């Protein structure tokens, strides 16, 4: 029995590896808002596509929520360059039921990804791919998803895809910028450290990457710096504060309670 099980697993592994793809499968389809998309065109425009092929299962919606956070982080660091698509693998959804399933998520919804699922090796609840570059490269392709083990690999794949577009990746590190208090109501103290004197600006952005406030701080000295930011006019919700200096940026989450 043990030998039979090992043989079966080996066959499945070989089967999955045989479907590993290096080039994305092109498609043209309307999203659930009726907007037409062509995959190759979007990749050639410099976009990176994070796609989850899903079905009506608990593991798929759980994965979608974790992938959403990855997408939101890149919406801050590289606005409008990373797209997050949830694609029904085999018409198990209507657009109406899909929108209900994806309530609260920012992903663009598509029906009927059956051909792509077969191309990428099968349905993995979900099947997750990262695509990018003018040569339509597959940077990540996996059946199934595990938050604790797969997130970094997906982020690394997105970074690699972004690097082919000439975009300077920005990571939400929090290593040189901090806000206090957090959550906050009327104002926060923003502290940041510079390795060398630089012209600095701050952007306050929604979780979708829309700027709601920009402050030019001018030249700031090397070492520790701080700025008192007024947030009394912001609506309650999650925002990002982005520090910009010398062509680089770092961002940190800020929860506003007004």
C-alpha atoms as a PDB file:
ATOM      1  CA  UNK A   1       0.000   0.000   0.000  1.00  0.00           C
ATOM      2  CA  UNK A   2       2.815   2.407   0.924  1.00  0.00           C
ATOM      3  CA  UNK A   3       4.611   1.720  -2.371  1.00  0.00           C
ATOM      4  CA  UNK A   4       1.359   2.225  -4.277  1.00  0.00           C
ATOM      5  CA  UNK A   5       0.768   5.548  -2.514  1.00  0.00           C
ATOM      6  CA  UNK A   6       4.305   6.739  -3.244  1.00  0.00           C
ATOM      7  CA  UNK A   7       3.957   5.716  -6.867  1.00  0.00           C
ATOM      8  CA  UNK A   8       0.667   7.581  -7.160  1.00  0.00           C
ATOM      9  CA  UNK A   9       2.174  10.716  -5.617  1.00  0.00           C
ATOM     10  CA  UNK A  10       5.139  10.491  -7.967  1.00  0.00           C
ATOM     11  CA  UNK A  11       2.826  10.240 -10.973  1.00  0.00           C
ATOM     12  CA  UNK A  12       0.837  13.266  -9.775  1.00  0.00           C
ATOM     13  CA  UNK A  13       4.039  15.262  -9.251  1.00  0.00           C
ATOM     14  CA  UNK A  14       5.279  14.402 -12.735  1.00  0.00           C
ATOM     15  CA  UNK A  15       1.836  15.256 -14.135  1.00  0.00           C
ATOM     16  CA  UNK A  16       1.871  18.677 -12.496  1.00  0.00           C
ATOM     17  CA  UNK A  17       5.455  19.423 -13.470  1.00  0.00           C
ATOM     18  CA  UNK A  18       4.674  18.471 -17.065  1.00  0.00           C
ATOM     19  CA  UNK A  19       2.154  21.311 -17.142  1.00  0.00           C
ATOM     20  CA  UNK A  20       4.539  23.939 -15.760  1.00  0.00           C
ATOM     21  CA  UNK A  21       4.512  26.855 -18.182  1.00  0.00           C
ATOM     22  CA  UNK A  22       7.068  29.590 -18.802  1.00  0.00           C
ATOM     23  CA  UNK A  23       4.869  31.703 -21.089  1.00  0.00           C
ATOM     24  CA  UNK A  24       1.412  32.996 -20.187  1.00  0.00           C
ATOM     25  CA  UNK A  25      -1.660  31.843 -22.079  1.00  0.00           C
ATOM     26  CA  UNK A  26      -3.269  34.789 -23.844  1.00  0.00           C
ATOM     27  CA  UNK A  27      -6.964  35.514 -23.438  1.00  0.00           C
ATOM     28  CA  UNK A  28      -9.517  38.180 -24.241  1.00  0.00           C
ATOM     29  CA  UNK A  29     -12.661  38.426 -22.115  1.00  0.00           C
ATOM     30  CA  UNK A  30     -14.997  40.859 -20.422  1.00  0.00           C
ATOM     31  CA  UNK A  31     -14.845  41.324 -16.673  1.00  0.00           C
ATOM     32  CA  UNK A  32     -18.022  41.352 -14.599  1.00  0.00           C
ATOM     33  CA  UNK A  33     -18.326  45.113 -15.183  1.00  0.00           C
ATOM     34  CA  UNK A  34     -18.457  44.499 -18.927  1.00  0.00           C
ATOM     35  CA  UNK A  35     -14.962  45.891 -19.611  1.00  0.00           C
ATOM     36  CA  UNK A  36     -12.913  44.020 -22.211  1.00  0.00           C
ATOM     37  CA  UNK A  37      -9.372  42.895 -21.330  1.00  0.00           C
ATOM     38  CA  UNK A  38      -6.629  41.311 -23.400  1.00  0.00           C
ATOM     39  CA  UNK A  39      -3.951  39.703 -21.249  1.00  0.00           C
ATOM     40  CA  UNK A  40      -0.999  40.172 -23.599  1.00  0.00           C
ATOM     41  CA  UNK A  41      -1.878  43.830 -24.163  1.00  0.00           C
ATOM     42  CA  UNK A  42      -1.974  44.467 -20.422  1.00  0.00           C
ATOM     43  CA  UNK A  43       1.384  42.766 -19.906  1.00  0.00           C
ATOM     44  CA  UNK A  44       2.949  44.688 -22.795  1.00  0.00           C
ATOM     45  CA  UNK A  45       1.727  47.928 -21.190  1.00  0.00           C
ATOM     46  CA  UNK A  46       3.966  47.163 -18.198  1.00  0.00           C
ATOM     47  CA  UNK A  47       1.384  45.653 -15.869  1.00  0.00           C
ATOM     48  CA  UNK A  48       1.950  42.665 -13.610  1.00  0.00           C
ATOM     49  CA  UNK A  49      -1.019  40.323 -13.222  1.00  0.00           C
ATOM     50  CA  UNK A  50      -1.710  38.359 -10.036  1.00  0.00           C
ATOM     51  CA  UNK A  51      -4.481  35.889 -10.887  1.00  0.00           C
ATOM     52  CA  UNK A  52      -6.336  33.430  -8.674  1.00  0.00           C
ATOM     53  CA  UNK A  53      -8.490  30.824 -10.421  1.00  0.00           C
ATOM     54  CA  UNK A  54     -11.180  30.013  -7.902  1.00  0.00           C
ATOM     55  CA  UNK A  55     -14.329  28.046  -7.182  1.00  0.00           C
ATOM     56  CA  UNK A  56     -17.042  28.321  -4.534  1.00  0.00           C
ATOM     57  CA  UNK A  57     -14.943  26.864  -1.734  1.00  0.00           C
ATOM     58  CA  UNK A  58     -13.835  28.133   1.656  1.00  0.00           C
ATOM     59  CA  UNK A  59     -10.137  27.744   0.866  1.00  0.00           C
ATOM     60  CA  UNK A  60     -10.549  29.912  -2.239  1.00  0.00           C
ATOM     61  CA  UNK A  61     -12.137  32.854  -0.434  1.00  0.00           C
ATOM     62  CA  UNK A  62      -9.586  32.546   2.373  1.00  0.00           C
ATOM     63  CA  UNK A  63      -6.747  32.648  -0.169  1.00  0.00           C
ATOM     64  CA  UNK A  64      -8.348  35.594  -1.956  1.00  0.00           C
ATOM     65  CA  UNK A  65      -8.375  37.612   1.261  1.00  0.00           C
ATOM     66  CA  UNK A  66      -4.660  36.985   1.848  1.00  0.00           C
ATOM     67  CA  UNK A  67      -3.812  37.721  -1.798  1.00  0.00           C
ATOM     68  CA  UNK A  68      -5.812  40.930  -1.441  1.00  0.00           C
ATOM     69  CA  UNK A  69      -3.324  42.158   1.174  1.00  0.00           C
ATOM     70  CA  UNK A  70      -0.416  41.482  -1.168  1.00  0.00           C
ATOM     71  CA  UNK A  71      -2.227  43.399  -3.893  1.00  0.00           C
ATOM     72  CA  UNK A  72      -2.983  46.338  -1.583  1.00  0.00           C
ATOM     73  CA  UNK A  73       0.656  46.591  -0.531  1.00  0.00           C
ATOM     74  CA  UNK A  74       1.714  46.884  -4.173  1.00  0.00           C
ATOM     75  CA  UNK A  75      -1.111  49.325  -4.869  1.00  0.00           C
ATOM     76  CA  UNK A  76       0.776  51.647  -2.534  1.00  0.00           C
ATOM     77  CA  UNK A  77       4.297  50.855  -3.639  1.00  0.00           C
ATOM     78  CA  UNK A  78       3.619  50.639  -7.393  1.00  0.00           C
ATOM     79  CA  UNK A  79       0.232  52.302  -8.035  1.00  0.00           C
ATOM     80  CA  UNK A  80      -1.762  50.934 -10.971  1.00  0.00           C
ATOM     81  CA  UNK A  81       0.995  48.496 -11.987  1.00  0.00           C
ATOM     82  CA  UNK A  82      -0.112  45.294 -10.245  1.00  0.00           C
ATOM     83  CA  UNK A  83      -3.549  43.955 -11.150  1.00  0.00           C
ATOM     84  CA  UNK A  84      -5.427  41.402  -9.032  1.00  0.00           C
ATOM     85  CA  UNK A  85      -7.801  39.141 -10.968  1.00  0.00           C
ATOM     86  CA  UNK A  86     -10.117  36.482  -9.551  1.00  0.00           C
ATOM     87  CA  UNK A  87     -11.240  34.149 -12.320  1.00  0.00           C
ATOM     88  CA  UNK A  88     -13.980  31.545 -12.029  1.00  0.00           C
ATOM     89  CA  UNK A  89     -12.424  28.311 -13.188  1.00  0.00           C
ATOM     90  CA  UNK A  90     -15.456  26.590 -14.728  1.00  0.00           C
ATOM     91  CA  UNK A  91     -18.575  28.795 -14.737  1.00  0.00           C
ATOM     92  CA  UNK A  92     -19.425  27.854 -11.154  1.00  0.00           C
ATOM     93  CA  UNK A  93     -20.373  31.525 -10.637  1.00  0.00           C
ATOM     94  CA  UNK A  94     -22.611  34.041 -12.290  1.00  0.00           C
ATOM     95  CA  UNK A  95     -21.301  37.601 -12.092  1.00  0.00           C
ATOM     96  CA  UNK A  96     -23.926  38.352  -9.455  1.00  0.00           C
ATOM     97  CA  UNK A  97     -22.930  35.414  -7.249  1.00  0.00           C
ATOM     98  CA  UNK A  98     -19.235  36.108  -7.885  1.00  0.00           C
ATOM     99  CA  UNK A  99     -19.620  39.705  -6.714  1.00  0.00           C
ATOM    100  CA  UNK A 100     -21.327  38.456  -3.570  1.00  0.00           C
ATOM    101  CA  UNK A 101     -18.518  35.930  -3.018  1.00  0.00           C
ATOM    102  CA  UNK A 102     -15.898  38.674  -3.458  1.00  0.00           C
ATOM    103  CA  UNK A 103     -17.649  41.257  -1.273  1.00  0.00           C
ATOM    104  CA  UNK A 104     -15.047  43.578   0.271  1.00  0.00           C
ATOM    105  CA  UNK A 105     -12.265  42.515  -2.111  1.00  0.00           C
ATOM    106  CA  UNK A 106     -10.625  44.764  -4.713  1.00  0.00           C
ATOM    107  CA  UNK A 107     -10.044  42.094  -7.346  1.00  0.00           C
ATOM    108  CA  UNK A 108     -11.433  42.324 -10.863  1.00  0.00           C
ATOM    109  CA  UNK A 109     -13.786  39.396 -11.534  1.00  0.00           C
ATOM    110  CA  UNK A 110     -13.928  37.229 -14.655  1.00  0.00           C
ATOM    111  CA  UNK A 111     -15.961  34.155 -15.557  1.00  0.00           C
ATOM    112  CA  UNK A 112     -14.807  30.985 -17.348  1.00  0.00           C
ATOM    113  CA  UNK A 113     -11.108  30.407 -16.823  1.00  0.00           C
ATOM    114  CA  UNK A 114     -11.361  26.711 -17.709  1.00  0.00           C
ATOM    115  CA  UNK A 115      -8.842  26.776 -20.557  1.00  0.00           C
ATOM    116  CA  UNK A 116      -6.282  28.717 -18.527  1.00  0.00           C
ATOM    117  CA  UNK A 117      -6.671  26.388 -15.535  1.00  0.00           C
ATOM    118  CA  UNK A 118      -5.925  23.403 -17.770  1.00  0.00           C
ATOM    119  CA  UNK A 119      -2.970  25.268 -19.272  1.00  0.00           C
ATOM    120  CA  UNK A 120      -1.469  25.998 -15.837  1.00  0.00           C
ATOM    121  CA  UNK A 121      -1.837  22.427 -14.636  1.00  0.00           C
ATOM    122  CA  UNK A 122      -5.297  22.055 -13.101  1.00  0.00           C
ATOM    123  CA  UNK A 123      -7.499  23.463 -10.379  1.00  0.00           C
ATOM    124  CA  UNK A 124      -5.673  23.898  -7.073  1.00  0.00           C
ATOM    125  CA  UNK A 125      -8.351  25.646  -4.960  1.00  0.00           C
ATOM    126  CA  UNK A 126      -7.101  28.147  -5.994  1.00  0.00           C
ATOM    127  CA  UNK A 127      -4.576  28.038  -8.813  1.00  0.00           C
ATOM    128  CA  UNK A 128      -2.371  31.134  -8.458  1.00  0.00           C
ATOM    129  CA  UNK A 129      -0.217  32.671 -11.190  1.00  0.00           C
ATOM    130  CA  UNK A 130       1.922  35.814 -11.480  1.00  0.00           C
ATOM    131  CA  UNK A 131       2.490  37.070 -15.021  1.00  0.00           C
ATOM    132  CA  UNK A 132       4.548  39.969 -16.335  1.00  0.00           C
ATOM    133  CA  UNK A 133       6.840  41.391 -18.976  1.00  0.00           C
ATOM    134  CA  UNK A 134       6.509  42.136 -22.669  1.00  0.00           C
ATOM    135  CA  UNK A 135       7.508  38.519 -23.299  1.00  0.00           C
ATOM    136  CA  UNK A 136       4.467  37.349 -21.245  1.00  0.00           C
ATOM    137  CA  UNK A 137       6.511  35.423 -18.687  1.00  0.00           C
ATOM    138  CA  UNK A 138       5.010  33.183 -15.998  1.00  0.00           C
ATOM    139  CA  UNK A 139       6.857  34.161 -12.804  1.00  0.00           C
ATOM    140  CA  UNK A 140       4.765  32.041 -10.429  1.00  0.00           C
ATOM    141  CA  UNK A 141       2.419  29.118 -11.037  1.00  0.00           C
ATOM    142  CA  UNK A 142       1.130  26.925  -8.245  1.00  0.00           C
ATOM    143  CA  UNK A 143      -1.861  24.698  -7.594  1.00  0.00           C
ATOM    144  CA  UNK A 144      -3.155  25.545  -4.120  1.00  0.00           C
ATOM    145  CA  UNK A 145      -2.158  28.239  -1.684  1.00  0.00           C
ATOM    146  CA  UNK A 146      -0.697  28.353   1.830  1.00  0.00           C
ATOM    147  CA  UNK A 147      -0.498  31.789   3.440  1.00  0.00           C
ATOM    148  CA  UNK A 148       2.474  30.998   5.674  1.00  0.00           C
ATOM    149  CA  UNK A 149       4.654  29.423   2.980  1.00  0.00           C
ATOM    150  CA  UNK A 150       3.567  31.012  -0.314  1.00  0.00           C
ATOM    151  CA  UNK A 151       3.243  34.747   0.354  1.00  0.00           C
ATOM    152  CA  UNK A 152       6.943  35.536   0.118  1.00  0.00           C
ATOM    153  CA  UNK A 153       7.339  33.515  -3.082  1.00  0.00           C
ATOM    154  CA  UNK A 154       4.422  35.422  -4.624  1.00  0.00           C
ATOM    155  CA  UNK A 155       5.920  38.764  -3.568  1.00  0.00           C
ATOM    156  CA  UNK A 156       9.312  37.721  -4.961  1.00  0.00           C
ATOM    157  CA  UNK A 157       7.617  36.811  -8.243  1.00  0.00           C
ATOM    158  CA  UNK A 158       5.860  40.185  -8.416  1.00  0.00           C
ATOM    159  CA  UNK A 159       9.152  41.961  -7.677  1.00  0.00           C
ATOM    160  CA  UNK A 160      10.878  40.010 -10.441  1.00  0.00           C
ATOM    161  CA  UNK A 161       8.075  40.841 -12.875  1.00  0.00           C
ATOM    162  CA  UNK A 162       8.166  44.534 -11.946  1.00  0.00           C
ATOM    163  CA  UNK A 163      11.920  44.648 -12.474  1.00  0.00           C
ATOM    164  CA  UNK A 164      11.423  43.771 -16.150  1.00  0.00           C
ATOM    165  CA  UNK A 165       9.281  46.886 -16.624  1.00  0.00           C
ATOM    166  CA  UNK A 166      12.015  49.194 -15.307  1.00  0.00           C
ATOM    167  CA  UNK A 167       9.917  50.107 -12.267  1.00  0.00           C
ATOM    168  CA  UNK A 168      11.707  50.783  -9.009  1.00  0.00           C
ATOM    169  CA  UNK A 169      10.106  48.439  -6.490  1.00  0.00           C
ATOM    170  CA  UNK A 170       9.101  49.915  -3.171  1.00  0.00           C
ATOM    171  CA  UNK A 171       8.469  47.752  -0.142  1.00  0.00           C
ATOM    172  CA  UNK A 172       6.329  48.453   2.863  1.00  0.00           C
ATOM    173  CA  UNK A 173       9.181  47.862   5.268  1.00  0.00           C
ATOM    174  CA  UNK A 174       8.524  50.344   8.075  1.00  0.00           C
ATOM    175  CA  UNK A 175      12.273  50.187   8.781  1.00  0.00           C
ATOM    176  CA  UNK A 176      12.883  53.922   8.285  1.00  0.00           C
ATOM    177  CA  UNK A 177       9.444  55.373   8.938  1.00  0.00           C
ATOM    178  CA  UNK A 178       7.126  55.119  11.922  1.00  0.00           C
ATOM    179  CA  UNK A 179       3.854  56.739  13.003  1.00  0.00           C
ATOM    180  CA  UNK A 180       2.585  57.304  16.536  1.00  0.00           C
ATOM    181  CA  UNK A 181      -0.055  56.963  17.811  1.00  0.00           C
ATOM    182  CA  UNK A 182      -1.560  54.332  15.550  1.00  0.00           C
ATOM    183  CA  UNK A 183      -4.601  54.182  15.443  1.00  0.00           C
ATOM    184  CA  UNK A 184      -4.956  57.970  15.614  1.00  0.00           C
ATOM    185  CA  UNK A 185      -7.656  60.639  15.452  1.00  0.00           C
ATOM    186  CA  UNK A 186      -6.538  64.248  14.963  1.00  0.00           C
ATOM    187  CA  UNK A 187      -2.782  64.036  14.345  1.00  0.00           C
ATOM    188  CA  UNK A 188       0.175  61.657  14.257  1.00  0.00           C
ATOM    189  CA  UNK A 189       3.902  62.075  14.667  1.00  0.00           C
ATOM    190  CA  UNK A 190       5.823  60.712  11.702  1.00  0.00           C
ATOM    191  CA  UNK A 191       9.444  59.846  12.401  1.00  0.00           C
ATOM    192  CA  UNK A 192      11.916  58.720   9.777  1.00  0.00           C
ATOM    193  CA  UNK A 193      15.622  58.117   9.427  1.00  0.00           C
ATOM    194  CA  UNK A 194      17.730  59.169   6.440  1.00  0.00           C
ATOM    195  CA  UNK A 195      21.190  57.850   5.652  1.00  0.00           C
ATOM    196  CA  UNK A 196      22.003  61.164   3.968  1.00  0.00           C
ATOM    197  CA  UNK A 197      20.385  64.581   3.580  1.00  0.00           C
ATOM    198  CA  UNK A 198      17.605  64.484   1.006  1.00  0.00           C
ATOM    199  CA  UNK A 199      14.520  66.267  -0.291  1.00  0.00           C
ATOM    200  CA  UNK A 200      11.545  64.561   1.334  1.00  0.00           C
ATOM    201  CA  UNK A 201       7.810  64.447   0.738  1.00  0.00           C
ATOM    202  CA  UNK A 202       4.973  62.533   2.383  1.00  0.00           C
ATOM    203  CA  UNK A 203       1.904  61.083   0.683  1.00  0.00           C
ATOM    204  CA  UNK A 204      -1.205  59.916   2.515  1.00  0.00           C
ATOM    205  CA  UNK A 205      -3.060  57.365   0.394  1.00  0.00           C
ATOM    206  CA  UNK A 206      -6.137  55.202   0.590  1.00  0.00           C
ATOM    207  CA  UNK A 207      -5.718  51.431   0.500  1.00  0.00           C
ATOM    208  CA  UNK A 208      -6.457  51.595  -3.242  1.00  0.00           C
ATOM    209  CA  UNK A 209      -3.516  53.935  -3.816  1.00  0.00           C
ATOM    210  CA  UNK A 210      -5.400  57.229  -4.265  1.00  0.00           C
ATOM    211  CA  UNK A 211      -3.539  60.207  -2.807  1.00  0.00           C
ATOM    212  CA  UNK A 212      -5.566  62.265  -0.346  1.00  0.00           C
ATOM    213  CA  UNK A 213      -2.761  64.443   0.981  1.00  0.00           C
ATOM    214  CA  UNK A 214       0.794  65.404  -0.061  1.00  0.00           C
ATOM    215  CA  UNK A 215       3.272  67.323   2.089  1.00  0.00           C
ATOM    216  CA  UNK A 216       6.596  68.580   0.743  1.00  0.00           C
ATOM    217  CA  UNK A 217       9.071  68.742   3.626  1.00  0.00           C
ATOM    218  CA  UNK A 218      11.976  70.087   1.584  1.00  0.00           C
ATOM    219  CA  UNK A 219      15.542  69.169   2.466  1.00  0.00           C
ATOM    220  CA  UNK A 220      15.849  67.054   5.597  1.00  0.00           C
ATOM    221  CA  UNK A 221      19.093  66.226   7.343  1.00  0.00           C
ATOM    222  CA  UNK A 222      20.727  62.825   7.721  1.00  0.00           C
ATOM    223  CA  UNK A 223      19.643  60.923  10.807  1.00  0.00           C
ATOM    224  CA  UNK A 224      16.383  61.090  12.742  1.00  0.00           C
ATOM    225  CA  UNK A 225      13.652  63.477  11.567  1.00  0.00           C
ATOM    226  CA  UNK A 226       9.999  63.965  12.497  1.00  0.00           C
ATOM    227  CA  UNK A 227       6.852  65.723  11.305  1.00  0.00           C
ATOM    228  CA  UNK A 228       3.466  66.298  12.964  1.00  0.00           C
ATOM    229  CA  UNK A 229       0.760  65.339  10.452  1.00  0.00           C
ATOM    230  CA  UNK A 230      -2.811  66.576  10.841  1.00  0.00           C
ATOM    231  CA  UNK A 231      -5.385  63.901   9.965  1.00  0.00           C
ATOM    232  CA  UNK A 232      -8.489  65.459  11.516  1.00  0.00           C
ATOM    233  CA  UNK A 233     -10.204  65.862   8.122  1.00  0.00           C
ATOM    234  CA  UNK A 234      -9.708  62.246   7.041  1.00  0.00           C
ATOM    235  CA  UNK A 235     -12.560  59.761   7.237  1.00  0.00           C
ATOM    236  CA  UNK A 236     -12.141  56.738   9.469  1.00  0.00           C
ATOM    237  CA  UNK A 237     -10.385  53.859   7.761  1.00  0.00           C
ATOM    238  CA  UNK A 238      -7.062  52.338   6.772  1.00  0.00           C
ATOM    239  CA  UNK A 239      -4.514  54.542   4.984  1.00  0.00           C
ATOM    240  CA  UNK A 240      -0.857  54.384   3.990  1.00  0.00           C
ATOM    241  CA  UNK A 241       1.689  57.064   4.772  1.00  0.00           C
ATOM    242  CA  UNK A 242       4.420  56.991   2.136  1.00  0.00           C
ATOM    243  CA  UNK A 243       7.831  58.606   2.617  1.00  0.00           C
ATOM    244  CA  UNK A 244       9.483  59.703  -0.647  1.00  0.00           C
ATOM    245  CA  UNK A 245      13.166  60.625  -0.896  1.00  0.00           C
ATOM    246  CA  UNK A 246      15.881  60.516  -3.579  1.00  0.00           C
ATOM    247  CA  UNK A 247      13.858  58.316  -5.934  1.00  0.00           C
ATOM    248  CA  UNK A 248      13.010  55.814  -3.189  1.00  0.00           C
ATOM    249  CA  UNK A 249       9.885  55.335  -1.096  1.00  0.00           C
ATOM    250  CA  UNK A 250       8.716  53.466   1.976  1.00  0.00           C
ATOM    251  CA  UNK A 251       5.206  53.133   3.334  1.00  0.00           C
ATOM    252  CA  UNK A 252       3.489  52.227   6.580  1.00  0.00           C
ATOM    253  CA  UNK A 253      -0.139  51.555   7.464  1.00  0.00           C
ATOM    254  CA  UNK A 254      -2.102  54.120   9.472  1.00  0.00           C
ATOM    255  CA  UNK A 255      -5.534  53.504  10.984  1.00  0.00           C
ATOM    256  CA  UNK A 256      -7.621  56.685  11.330  1.00  0.00           C
ATOM    257  CA  UNK A 257     -10.497  56.748  13.839  1.00  0.00           C
ATOM    258  CA  UNK A 258     -12.575  59.910  13.364  1.00  0.00           C
END
